[in-house]
Amino acid sequence: MFVSNALIGLREGLEAALVVVILLAFLVKTNRTWGIRFVWLGVGTAIVLSVALGAVLTYGTRQLSFEAQEAVGGTASIIAVGFVTAMVFWMKSAARSISGELKGKLDRALDLGPLAVALVGFLGVGREGLETAIFFYATAQAAGSGNNVPLLGWVLGFAGAILLGYLMYKGALKINLSKFFRYTGIALVVVAGGILAYGIHDLQEAGFLPGLNTLAFDVSHVIDSSTWYAALLKGIFNFTPQTTVLQAIAWTLYVATVLFFFLRPARSSGPAPTPAADPARQTATAGPA
């Protein structure tokens, strides 16, 4: 689970970091630095609420029966898949325009007052925080009780995102956001497919879905679940040696369908851009000049 969680943490963390970098850089460039502390107030509030939600989901369900825990875990996994699907498509279209949209919202909020500025910071980071909390719960459930590997992956991913955000703010790093979100989006779709399969298995164990004992394949005699390569397959793809028919169908349909639409070239509604305005050449330069 380490690699997949580190990837999700990096992706979610960098989205949040981009929001903060863009907002802070805009305040500095427009000489309205009085709003910085209110942006941080909103960001901090969003982080605290996200951590609280993750704690409630992780520790608040331990007193439930086995079936209830499986039902909650399966539902959270499917919700997490919905979030990641919406996220990859949203960032595919918004990577080129997110800076202008955030600056416009903050500019209007500055005229309204400190609370409005804090709200922009809160909303900008809160969405990623909500997704992260549900993702963390789903991946922690998949890893099993007492397994700290998912947490270590998240920590590494967040640390990398914070470092990249800081370097971008200082102008020491430029990232082609379109390419970054495209390639990480492909990887996340595969990871989400594994989370979906795990969620379906949870719901089967809870009795909400049929087919728990109807297996598509059983390679447990070939792949020992205690080996390192079995752990690697589970960590990256959430692969299990015993997979039900419903799990296999859901994984295949989800990954094939989502990747088809995600990788399909966007239709151009206007004339082709000139080389100077080619979006593929645009990079993230959010730091203050």
C-alpha atoms as a PDB file:
ATOM      1  CA  MET A   1       0.000   0.000   0.000  1.00  0.00           C
ATOM      2  CA  PHE A   2       3.038   2.262   0.398  1.00  0.00           C
ATOM      3  CA  VAL A   3       3.485   3.196  -3.269  1.00  0.00           C
ATOM      4  CA  SER A   4      -0.191   3.817  -4.015  1.00  0.00           C
ATOM      5  CA  ASN A   5      -0.694   5.864  -0.841  1.00  0.00           C
ATOM      6  CA  ALA A   6       2.417   7.917  -1.514  1.00  0.00           C
ATOM      7  CA  LEU A   7       1.093   8.629  -5.017  1.00  0.00           C
ATOM      8  CA  ILE A   8      -2.327   9.653  -3.729  1.00  0.00           C
ATOM      9  CA  GLY A   9      -0.741  11.776  -0.992  1.00  0.00           C
ATOM     10  CA  LEU A  10       1.532  13.488  -3.514  1.00  0.00           C
ATOM     11  CA  ARG A  11      -1.318  14.164  -5.916  1.00  0.00           C
ATOM     12  CA  GLU A  12      -3.808  15.408  -3.310  1.00  0.00           C
ATOM     13  CA  GLY A  13      -1.126  17.330  -1.436  1.00  0.00           C
ATOM     14  CA  LEU A  14       0.155  19.047  -4.552  1.00  0.00           C
ATOM     15  CA  GLU A  15      -3.340  20.148  -5.536  1.00  0.00           C
ATOM     16  CA  ALA A  16      -3.764  21.741  -2.105  1.00  0.00           C
ATOM     17  CA  ALA A  17      -0.251  23.196  -2.246  1.00  0.00           C
ATOM     18  CA  LEU A  18      -0.954  24.753  -5.648  1.00  0.00           C
ATOM     19  CA  VAL A  19      -4.022  26.470  -4.230  1.00  0.00           C
ATOM     20  CA  VAL A  20      -2.017  27.924  -1.340  1.00  0.00           C
ATOM     21  CA  VAL A  21       0.901  28.971  -3.569  1.00  0.00           C
ATOM     22  CA  ILE A  22      -1.372  30.739  -6.054  1.00  0.00           C
ATOM     23  CA  LEU A  23      -3.271  32.590  -3.319  1.00  0.00           C
ATOM     24  CA  LEU A  24      -0.145  33.688  -1.443  1.00  0.00           C
ATOM     25  CA  ALA A  25       1.687  34.736  -4.605  1.00  0.00           C
ATOM     26  CA  PHE A  26      -1.309  36.809  -5.713  1.00  0.00           C
ATOM     27  CA  LEU A  27      -1.446  38.625  -2.356  1.00  0.00           C
ATOM     28  CA  VAL A  28       2.283  39.380  -2.485  1.00  0.00           C
ATOM     29  CA  LYS A  29       2.224  40.586  -6.096  1.00  0.00           C
ATOM     30  CA  THR A  30      -0.754  42.889  -5.458  1.00  0.00           C
ATOM     31  CA  ASN A  31       0.747  44.292  -2.225  1.00  0.00           C
ATOM     32  CA  ARG A  32      -2.172  43.047  -0.115  1.00  0.00           C
ATOM     33  CA  THR A  33      -0.142  40.941   2.275  1.00  0.00           C
ATOM     34  CA  TRP A  34      -2.607  41.653   5.099  1.00  0.00           C
ATOM     35  CA  GLY A  35      -4.705  38.828   3.655  1.00  0.00           C
ATOM     36  CA  ILE A  36      -1.974  36.169   4.029  1.00  0.00           C
ATOM     37  CA  ARG A  37      -2.798  35.350   7.657  1.00  0.00           C
ATOM     38  CA  PHE A  38      -6.469  34.929   6.782  1.00  0.00           C
ATOM     39  CA  VAL A  39      -5.638  32.591   3.907  1.00  0.00           C
ATOM     40  CA  TRP A  40      -3.611  30.497   6.355  1.00  0.00           C
ATOM     41  CA  LEU A  41      -6.506  30.638   8.827  1.00  0.00           C
ATOM     42  CA  GLY A  42      -8.827  29.129   6.233  1.00  0.00           C
ATOM     43  CA  VAL A  43      -6.241  26.560   5.155  1.00  0.00           C
ATOM     44  CA  GLY A  44      -5.508  25.559   8.744  1.00  0.00           C
ATOM     45  CA  THR A  45      -9.204  25.152   9.528  1.00  0.00           C
ATOM     46  CA  ALA A  46      -9.656  22.915   6.478  1.00  0.00           C
ATOM     47  CA  ILE A  47      -6.701  20.749   7.529  1.00  0.00           C
ATOM     48  CA  VAL A  48      -7.970  20.365  11.107  1.00  0.00           C
ATOM     49  CA  LEU A  49     -11.456  19.374   9.948  1.00  0.00           C
ATOM     50  CA  SER A  50     -10.014  16.892   7.440  1.00  0.00           C
ATOM     51  CA  VAL A  51      -7.850  15.238  10.092  1.00  0.00           C
ATOM     52  CA  ALA A  52     -10.846  15.097  12.436  1.00  0.00           C
ATOM     53  CA  LEU A  53     -12.969  13.420   9.753  1.00  0.00           C
ATOM     54  CA  GLY A  54     -10.233  10.874   9.066  1.00  0.00           C
ATOM     55  CA  ALA A  55      -9.946  10.109  12.796  1.00  0.00           C
ATOM     56  CA  VAL A  56     -13.703   9.696  13.183  1.00  0.00           C
ATOM     57  CA  LEU A  57     -13.870   7.314  10.238  1.00  0.00           C
ATOM     58  CA  THR A  58     -10.809   5.327  11.308  1.00  0.00           C
ATOM     59  CA  TYR A  59     -11.421   5.013  15.040  1.00  0.00           C
ATOM     60  CA  GLY A  60     -15.154   5.635  15.324  1.00  0.00           C
ATOM     61  CA  THR A  61     -16.111   2.428  13.511  1.00  0.00           C
ATOM     62  CA  ARG A  62     -14.076  -0.003  15.624  1.00  0.00           C
ATOM     63  CA  GLN A  63     -16.962  -0.670  18.011  1.00  0.00           C
ATOM     64  CA  LEU A  64     -19.260  -1.759  15.193  1.00  0.00           C
ATOM     65  CA  SER A  65     -19.980  -5.373  14.311  1.00  0.00           C
ATOM     66  CA  PHE A  66     -17.904  -7.074  11.616  1.00  0.00           C
ATOM     67  CA  GLU A  67     -20.698  -6.752   9.048  1.00  0.00           C
ATOM     68  CA  ALA A  68     -21.229  -3.077   9.883  1.00  0.00           C
ATOM     69  CA  GLN A  69     -17.487  -2.350   9.619  1.00  0.00           C
ATOM     70  CA  GLU A  70     -17.345  -4.054   6.241  1.00  0.00           C
ATOM     71  CA  ALA A  71     -20.397  -2.111   5.052  1.00  0.00           C
ATOM     72  CA  VAL A  72     -18.893   1.228   6.154  1.00  0.00           C
ATOM     73  CA  GLY A  73     -15.485   0.349   4.685  1.00  0.00           C
ATOM     74  CA  GLY A  74     -16.972  -0.780   1.375  1.00  0.00           C
ATOM     75  CA  THR A  75     -19.134   2.323   1.101  1.00  0.00           C
ATOM     76  CA  ALA A  76     -16.174   4.597   1.919  1.00  0.00           C
ATOM     77  CA  SER A  77     -14.067   2.845  -0.728  1.00  0.00           C
ATOM     78  CA  ILE A  78     -16.694   3.387  -3.412  1.00  0.00           C
ATOM     79  CA  ILE A  79     -17.098   7.050  -2.387  1.00  0.00           C
ATOM     80  CA  ALA A  80     -13.311   7.425  -2.569  1.00  0.00           C
ATOM     81  CA  VAL A  81     -13.351   5.997  -6.097  1.00  0.00           C
ATOM     82  CA  GLY A  82     -16.020   8.529  -7.050  1.00  0.00           C
ATOM     83  CA  PHE A  83     -13.851  11.328  -5.666  1.00  0.00           C
ATOM     84  CA  VAL A  84     -10.701  10.239  -7.496  1.00  0.00           C
ATOM     85  CA  THR A  85     -12.599   9.838 -10.767  1.00  0.00           C
ATOM     86  CA  ALA A  86     -14.050  13.337 -10.514  1.00  0.00           C
ATOM     87  CA  MET A  87     -10.658  14.680  -9.430  1.00  0.00           C
ATOM     88  CA  VAL A  88      -8.665  13.351 -12.395  1.00  0.00           C
ATOM     89  CA  PHE A  89     -11.178  14.656 -14.924  1.00  0.00           C
ATOM     90  CA  TRP A  90     -11.513  18.023 -13.178  1.00  0.00           C
ATOM     91  CA  MET A  91      -7.755  18.582 -13.039  1.00  0.00           C
ATOM     92  CA  LYS A  92      -7.416  17.505 -16.673  1.00  0.00           C
ATOM     93  CA  SER A  93      -9.585  20.457 -17.696  1.00  0.00           C
ATOM     94  CA  ALA A  94      -8.729  22.896 -14.891  1.00  0.00           C
ATOM     95  CA  ALA A  95      -4.920  22.637 -14.850  1.00  0.00           C
ATOM     96  CA  ARG A  96      -4.605  25.484 -17.351  1.00  0.00           C
ATOM     97  CA  SER A  97      -7.177  27.791 -15.764  1.00  0.00           C
ATOM     98  CA  ILE A  98      -6.999  27.122 -12.022  1.00  0.00           C
ATOM     99  CA  SER A  99      -4.656  30.048 -11.382  1.00  0.00           C
ATOM    100  CA  GLY A 100      -6.939  32.625 -13.007  1.00  0.00           C
ATOM    101  CA  GLU A 101     -10.050  31.259 -11.279  1.00  0.00           C
ATOM    102  CA  LEU A 102      -8.478  31.342  -7.817  1.00  0.00           C
ATOM    103  CA  LYS A 103      -7.066  34.832  -8.302  1.00  0.00           C
ATOM    104  CA  GLY A 104     -10.474  36.093  -9.397  1.00  0.00           C
ATOM    105  CA  LYS A 105     -12.181  34.607  -6.336  1.00  0.00           C
ATOM    106  CA  LEU A 106      -9.546  35.985  -3.980  1.00  0.00           C
ATOM    107  CA  ASP A 107      -9.689  39.427  -5.593  1.00  0.00           C
ATOM    108  CA  ARG A 108     -13.436  39.610  -4.927  1.00  0.00           C
ATOM    109  CA  ALA A 109     -12.982  38.243  -1.404  1.00  0.00           C
ATOM    110  CA  LEU A 110     -10.407  40.925  -0.567  1.00  0.00           C
ATOM    111  CA  ASP A 111     -13.055  43.559  -1.195  1.00  0.00           C
ATOM    112  CA  LEU A 112     -15.491  41.789   1.144  1.00  0.00           C
ATOM    113  CA  GLY A 113     -13.173  41.413   4.122  1.00  0.00           C
ATOM    114  CA  PRO A 114     -11.009  38.995   6.150  1.00  0.00           C
ATOM    115  CA  LEU A 115     -13.655  36.297   6.636  1.00  0.00           C
ATOM    116  CA  ALA A 116     -14.239  36.075   2.895  1.00  0.00           C
ATOM    117  CA  VAL A 117     -10.482  35.697   2.332  1.00  0.00           C
ATOM    118  CA  ALA A 118     -10.327  32.901   4.929  1.00  0.00           C
ATOM    119  CA  LEU A 119     -13.291  31.221   3.223  1.00  0.00           C
ATOM    120  CA  VAL A 120     -11.439  31.154  -0.108  1.00  0.00           C
ATOM    121  CA  GLY A 121      -8.498  29.415   1.560  1.00  0.00           C
ATOM    122  CA  PHE A 122     -10.803  27.025   3.382  1.00  0.00           C
ATOM    123  CA  LEU A 123     -12.774  26.017   0.290  1.00  0.00           C
ATOM    124  CA  GLY A 124      -9.666  25.783  -1.876  1.00  0.00           C
ATOM    125  CA  VAL A 125      -8.027  23.229   0.437  1.00  0.00           C
ATOM    126  CA  GLY A 126     -11.114  21.718   2.067  1.00  0.00           C
ATOM    127  CA  ARG A 127     -12.144  19.714  -0.991  1.00  0.00           C
ATOM    128  CA  GLU A 128      -8.780  17.978  -1.185  1.00  0.00           C
ATOM    129  CA  GLY A 129      -8.900  17.480   2.591  1.00  0.00           C
ATOM    130  CA  LEU A 130     -12.273  15.747   2.421  1.00  0.00           C
ATOM    131  CA  GLU A 131     -11.076  13.481  -0.385  1.00  0.00           C
ATOM    132  CA  THR A 132      -7.877  12.704   1.530  1.00  0.00           C
ATOM    133  CA  ALA A 133      -9.739  11.755   4.717  1.00  0.00           C
ATOM    134  CA  ILE A 134     -11.986   9.282   2.905  1.00  0.00           C
ATOM    135  CA  PHE A 135      -9.063   7.944   0.863  1.00  0.00           C
ATOM    136  CA  PHE A 136      -7.017   7.412   4.001  1.00  0.00           C
ATOM    137  CA  TYR A 137      -9.803   5.496   5.696  1.00  0.00           C
ATOM    138  CA  ALA A 138     -10.394   3.312   2.642  1.00  0.00           C
ATOM    139  CA  THR A 139      -6.701   2.462   2.199  1.00  0.00           C
ATOM    140  CA  ALA A 140      -6.190   1.889   5.933  1.00  0.00           C
ATOM    141  CA  GLN A 141      -9.091  -0.567   5.914  1.00  0.00           C
ATOM    142  CA  ALA A 142      -7.633  -2.351   2.889  1.00  0.00           C
ATOM    143  CA  ALA A 143      -4.233  -2.664   4.566  1.00  0.00           C
ATOM    144  CA  GLY A 144      -5.695  -4.148   7.745  1.00  0.00           C
ATOM    145  CA  SER A 145      -5.647  -3.223  11.412  1.00  0.00           C
ATOM    146  CA  GLY A 146      -2.237  -2.384  12.885  1.00  0.00           C
ATOM    147  CA  ASN A 147      -0.577  -1.818   9.505  1.00  0.00           C
ATOM    148  CA  ASN A 148       1.229   1.538   9.454  1.00  0.00           C
ATOM    149  CA  VAL A 149       2.426   1.268   5.841  1.00  0.00           C
ATOM    150  CA  PRO A 150      -0.482   3.368   4.432  1.00  0.00           C
ATOM    151  CA  LEU A 151       0.266   6.155   6.934  1.00  0.00           C
ATOM    152  CA  LEU A 152       3.955   6.173   5.991  1.00  0.00           C
ATOM    153  CA  GLY A 153       3.014   6.389   2.310  1.00  0.00           C
ATOM    154  CA  TRP A 154       0.684   9.320   2.954  1.00  0.00           C
ATOM    155  CA  VAL A 155       3.345  11.130   5.006  1.00  0.00           C
ATOM    156  CA  LEU A 156       5.945  10.714   2.251  1.00  0.00           C
ATOM    157  CA  GLY A 157       3.485  11.897  -0.414  1.00  0.00           C
ATOM    158  CA  PHE A 158       2.461  14.965   1.592  1.00  0.00           C
ATOM    159  CA  ALA A 159       6.099  15.795   2.368  1.00  0.00           C
ATOM    160  CA  GLY A 160       6.924  15.674  -1.344  1.00  0.00           C
ATOM    161  CA  ALA A 161       3.930  17.873  -2.160  1.00  0.00           C
ATOM    162  CA  ILE A 162       4.921  20.465   0.456  1.00  0.00           C
ATOM    163  CA  LEU A 163       8.481  20.539  -0.884  1.00  0.00           C
ATOM    164  CA  LEU A 164       7.308  20.969  -4.487  1.00  0.00           C
ATOM    165  CA  GLY A 165       4.874  23.692  -3.441  1.00  0.00           C
ATOM    166  CA  TYR A 166       7.617  25.576  -1.590  1.00  0.00           C
ATOM    167  CA  LEU A 167      10.012  25.356  -4.541  1.00  0.00           C
ATOM    168  CA  MET A 168       7.301  26.618  -6.902  1.00  0.00           C
ATOM    169  CA  TYR A 169       6.508  29.522  -4.588  1.00  0.00           C
ATOM    170  CA  LYS A 170      10.174  30.507  -4.502  1.00  0.00           C
ATOM    171  CA  GLY A 171      10.371  30.299  -8.290  1.00  0.00           C
ATOM    172  CA  ALA A 172      12.974  27.514  -8.131  1.00  0.00           C
ATOM    173  CA  LEU A 173      10.806  24.931  -9.866  1.00  0.00           C
ATOM    174  CA  LYS A 174       8.545  24.849 -12.895  1.00  0.00           C
ATOM    175  CA  ILE A 175       6.093  22.007 -13.512  1.00  0.00           C
ATOM    176  CA  ASN A 176       4.130  21.291 -16.652  1.00  0.00           C
ATOM    177  CA  LEU A 177       0.815  20.826 -14.874  1.00  0.00           C
ATOM    178  CA  SER A 178      -0.969  19.314 -17.875  1.00  0.00           C
ATOM    179  CA  LYS A 179       1.584  16.497 -18.167  1.00  0.00           C
ATOM    180  CA  PHE A 180       1.890  15.996 -14.424  1.00  0.00           C
ATOM    181  CA  PHE A 181      -1.835  15.574 -13.883  1.00  0.00           C
ATOM    182  CA  ARG A 182      -2.160  13.422 -17.004  1.00  0.00           C
ATOM    183  CA  TYR A 183       0.425  10.824 -15.948  1.00  0.00           C
ATOM    184  CA  THR A 184      -0.522  10.779 -12.272  1.00  0.00           C
ATOM    185  CA  GLY A 185      -4.161  10.586 -13.368  1.00  0.00           C
ATOM    186  CA  ILE A 186      -3.478   7.361 -15.297  1.00  0.00           C
ATOM    187  CA  ALA A 187      -1.785   5.830 -12.261  1.00  0.00           C
ATOM    188  CA  LEU A 188      -4.581   6.948  -9.952  1.00  0.00           C
ATOM    189  CA  VAL A 189      -7.246   5.361 -12.160  1.00  0.00           C
ATOM    190  CA  VAL A 190      -5.484   1.994 -11.779  1.00  0.00           C
ATOM    191  CA  VAL A 191      -5.191   2.525  -8.018  1.00  0.00           C
ATOM    192  CA  ALA A 192      -8.862   3.516  -7.824  1.00  0.00           C
ATOM    193  CA  GLY A 193      -9.794   0.332  -9.672  1.00  0.00           C
ATOM    194  CA  GLY A 194      -8.158  -1.670  -6.897  1.00  0.00           C
ATOM    195  CA  ILE A 195      -9.949   0.357  -4.220  1.00  0.00           C
ATOM    196  CA  LEU A 196     -13.252  -0.267  -6.034  1.00  0.00           C
ATOM    197  CA  ALA A 197     -12.602  -4.020  -6.109  1.00  0.00           C
ATOM    198  CA  TYR A 198     -11.738  -3.992  -2.416  1.00  0.00           C
ATOM    199  CA  GLY A 199     -14.895  -2.014  -1.608  1.00  0.00           C
ATOM    200  CA  ILE A 200     -17.032  -4.501  -3.496  1.00  0.00           C
ATOM    201  CA  HIS A 201     -15.428  -7.363  -1.570  1.00  0.00           C
ATOM    202  CA  ASP A 202     -16.235  -5.568   1.696  1.00  0.00           C
ATOM    203  CA  LEU A 203     -19.869  -5.173   0.672  1.00  0.00           C
ATOM    204  CA  GLN A 204     -19.955  -8.847  -0.305  1.00  0.00           C
ATOM    205  CA  GLU A 205     -18.651  -9.813   3.126  1.00  0.00           C
ATOM    206  CA  ALA A 206     -21.265  -7.549   4.719  1.00  0.00           C
ATOM    207  CA  GLY A 207     -23.982  -9.340   2.751  1.00  0.00           C
ATOM    208  CA  PHE A 208     -25.002  -6.300   0.701  1.00  0.00           C
ATOM    209  CA  LEU A 209     -23.742  -7.768  -2.563  1.00  0.00           C
ATOM    210  CA  PRO A 210     -23.904 -11.398  -3.733  1.00  0.00           C
ATOM    211  CA  GLY A 211     -21.149 -13.651  -5.075  1.00  0.00           C
ATOM    212  CA  LEU A 212     -18.679 -13.767  -2.178  1.00  0.00           C
ATOM    213  CA  ASN A 213     -17.831 -17.411  -2.926  1.00  0.00           C
ATOM    214  CA  THR A 214     -18.072 -17.124  -6.713  1.00  0.00           C
ATOM    215  CA  LEU A 215     -14.457 -16.673  -7.745  1.00  0.00           C
ATOM    216  CA  ALA A 216     -13.207 -15.402 -11.085  1.00  0.00           C
ATOM    217  CA  PHE A 217      -9.805 -16.934 -10.306  1.00  0.00           C
ATOM    218  CA  ASP A 218      -7.830 -18.334  -7.402  1.00  0.00           C
ATOM    219  CA  VAL A 219      -4.049 -18.147  -7.732  1.00  0.00           C
ATOM    220  CA  SER A 220      -3.319 -18.471  -4.016  1.00  0.00           C
ATOM    221  CA  HIS A 221      -1.407 -21.701  -4.764  1.00  0.00           C
ATOM    222  CA  VAL A 222       0.888 -19.708  -7.074  1.00  0.00           C
ATOM    223  CA  ILE A 223       1.065 -16.334  -5.322  1.00  0.00           C
ATOM    224  CA  ASP A 224       1.619 -16.670  -1.591  1.00  0.00           C
ATOM    225  CA  SER A 225       0.022 -13.706   0.158  1.00  0.00           C
ATOM    226  CA  SER A 226       2.954 -13.573   2.604  1.00  0.00           C
ATOM    227  CA  THR A 227       5.589 -12.969  -0.096  1.00  0.00           C
ATOM    228  CA  TRP A 228       7.058  -9.600  -1.009  1.00  0.00           C
ATOM    229  CA  TYR A 229       5.707  -9.650  -4.567  1.00  0.00           C
ATOM    230  CA  ALA A 230       2.200 -10.381  -3.288  1.00  0.00           C
ATOM    231  CA  ALA A 231       2.541  -7.405  -0.962  1.00  0.00           C
ATOM    232  CA  LEU A 232       3.771  -5.288  -3.893  1.00  0.00           C
ATOM    233  CA  LEU A 233       0.801  -6.302  -6.059  1.00  0.00           C
ATOM    234  CA  LYS A 234      -1.607  -5.561  -3.227  1.00  0.00           C
ATOM    235  CA  GLY A 235       0.083  -2.253  -2.418  1.00  0.00           C
ATOM    236  CA  ILE A 236      -0.012  -0.904  -5.976  1.00  0.00           C
ATOM    237  CA  PHE A 237      -3.050  -2.577  -7.542  1.00  0.00           C
ATOM    238  CA  ASN A 238      -4.908  -3.874  -4.445  1.00  0.00           C
ATOM    239  CA  PHE A 239      -4.604  -7.301  -6.079  1.00  0.00           C
ATOM    240  CA  THR A 240      -5.674 -10.363  -4.086  1.00  0.00           C
ATOM    241  CA  PRO A 241      -4.969 -13.984  -5.101  1.00  0.00           C
ATOM    242  CA  GLN A 242      -8.652 -14.829  -4.639  1.00  0.00           C
ATOM    243  CA  THR A 243     -10.864 -12.468  -6.642  1.00  0.00           C
ATOM    244  CA  THR A 244     -14.607 -12.772  -7.039  1.00  0.00           C
ATOM    245  CA  VAL A 245     -16.341 -12.491 -10.390  1.00  0.00           C
ATOM    246  CA  LEU A 246     -18.024  -9.242  -9.354  1.00  0.00           C
ATOM    247  CA  GLN A 247     -14.684  -7.746  -8.306  1.00  0.00           C
ATOM    248  CA  ALA A 248     -13.030  -8.705 -11.594  1.00  0.00           C
ATOM    249  CA  ILE A 249     -15.894  -7.331 -13.690  1.00  0.00           C
ATOM    250  CA  ALA A 250     -16.009  -4.057 -11.740  1.00  0.00           C
ATOM    251  CA  TRP A 251     -12.227  -3.534 -11.956  1.00  0.00           C
ATOM    252  CA  THR A 252     -12.095  -4.240 -15.695  1.00  0.00           C
ATOM    253  CA  LEU A 253     -15.097  -2.085 -16.595  1.00  0.00           C
ATOM    254  CA  TYR A 254     -13.981   0.812 -14.396  1.00  0.00           C
ATOM    255  CA  VAL A 255     -10.350   0.962 -15.529  1.00  0.00           C
ATOM    256  CA  ALA A 256     -11.148   0.428 -19.229  1.00  0.00           C
ATOM    257  CA  THR A 257     -14.003   2.958 -19.314  1.00  0.00           C
ATOM    258  CA  VAL A 258     -12.347   5.694 -17.279  1.00  0.00           C
ATOM    259  CA  LEU A 259      -9.006   5.445 -19.080  1.00  0.00           C
ATOM    260  CA  PHE A 260     -10.788   5.555 -22.443  1.00  0.00           C
ATOM    261  CA  PHE A 261     -12.496   8.847 -21.657  1.00  0.00           C
ATOM    262  CA  PHE A 262      -9.546  10.262 -19.721  1.00  0.00           C
ATOM    263  CA  LEU A 263      -7.042   9.632 -22.526  1.00  0.00           C
ATOM    264  CA  ARG A 264      -9.393  10.634 -25.318  1.00  0.00           C
ATOM    265  CA  PRO A 265      -8.166  13.901 -26.896  1.00  0.00           C
ATOM    266  CA  ALA A 266     -10.321  16.900 -26.075  1.00  0.00           C
ATOM    267  CA  ARG A 267     -12.312  18.258 -28.980  1.00  0.00           C
ATOM    268  CA  SER A 268     -11.215  21.683 -30.111  1.00  0.00           C
ATOM    269  CA  SER A 269     -14.071  24.166 -30.483  1.00  0.00           C
ATOM    270  CA  GLY A 270     -11.974  26.908 -32.056  1.00  0.00           C
ATOM    271  CA  PRO A 271      -8.966  27.470 -34.295  1.00  0.00           C
ATOM    272  CA  ALA A 272      -5.724  25.740 -33.435  1.00  0.00           C
ATOM    273  CA  PRO A 273      -3.583  27.762 -31.002  1.00  0.00           C
ATOM    274  CA  THR A 274      -0.405  29.405 -32.162  1.00  0.00           C
ATOM    275  CA  PRO A 275       2.858  27.879 -30.914  1.00  0.00           C
ATOM    276  CA  ALA A 276       3.255  30.694 -28.377  1.00  0.00           C
ATOM    277  CA  ALA A 277      -0.143  29.905 -26.844  1.00  0.00           C
ATOM    278  CA  ASP A 278       0.131  26.128 -27.011  1.00  0.00           C
ATOM    279  CA  PRO A 279      -1.269  24.837 -23.683  1.00  0.00           C
ATOM    280  CA  ALA A 280       1.080  21.877 -23.722  1.00  0.00           C
ATOM    281  CA  ARG A 281       3.991  24.284 -23.308  1.00  0.00           C
ATOM    282  CA  GLN A 282       2.527  26.054 -20.319  1.00  0.00           C
ATOM    283  CA  THR A 283       4.194  25.519 -16.966  1.00  0.00           C
ATOM    284  CA  ALA A 284       3.351  26.372 -13.405  1.00  0.00           C
ATOM    285  CA  THR A 285       5.185  29.491 -12.261  1.00  0.00           C
ATOM    286  CA  ALA A 286       3.115  30.532  -9.284  1.00  0.00           C
ATOM    287  CA  GLY A 287       5.865  32.001  -7.136  1.00  0.00           C
ATOM    288  CA  PRO A 288       6.188  35.739  -6.621  1.00  0.00           C
ATOM    289  CA  ALA A 289       8.545  37.419  -9.013  1.00  0.00           C
END
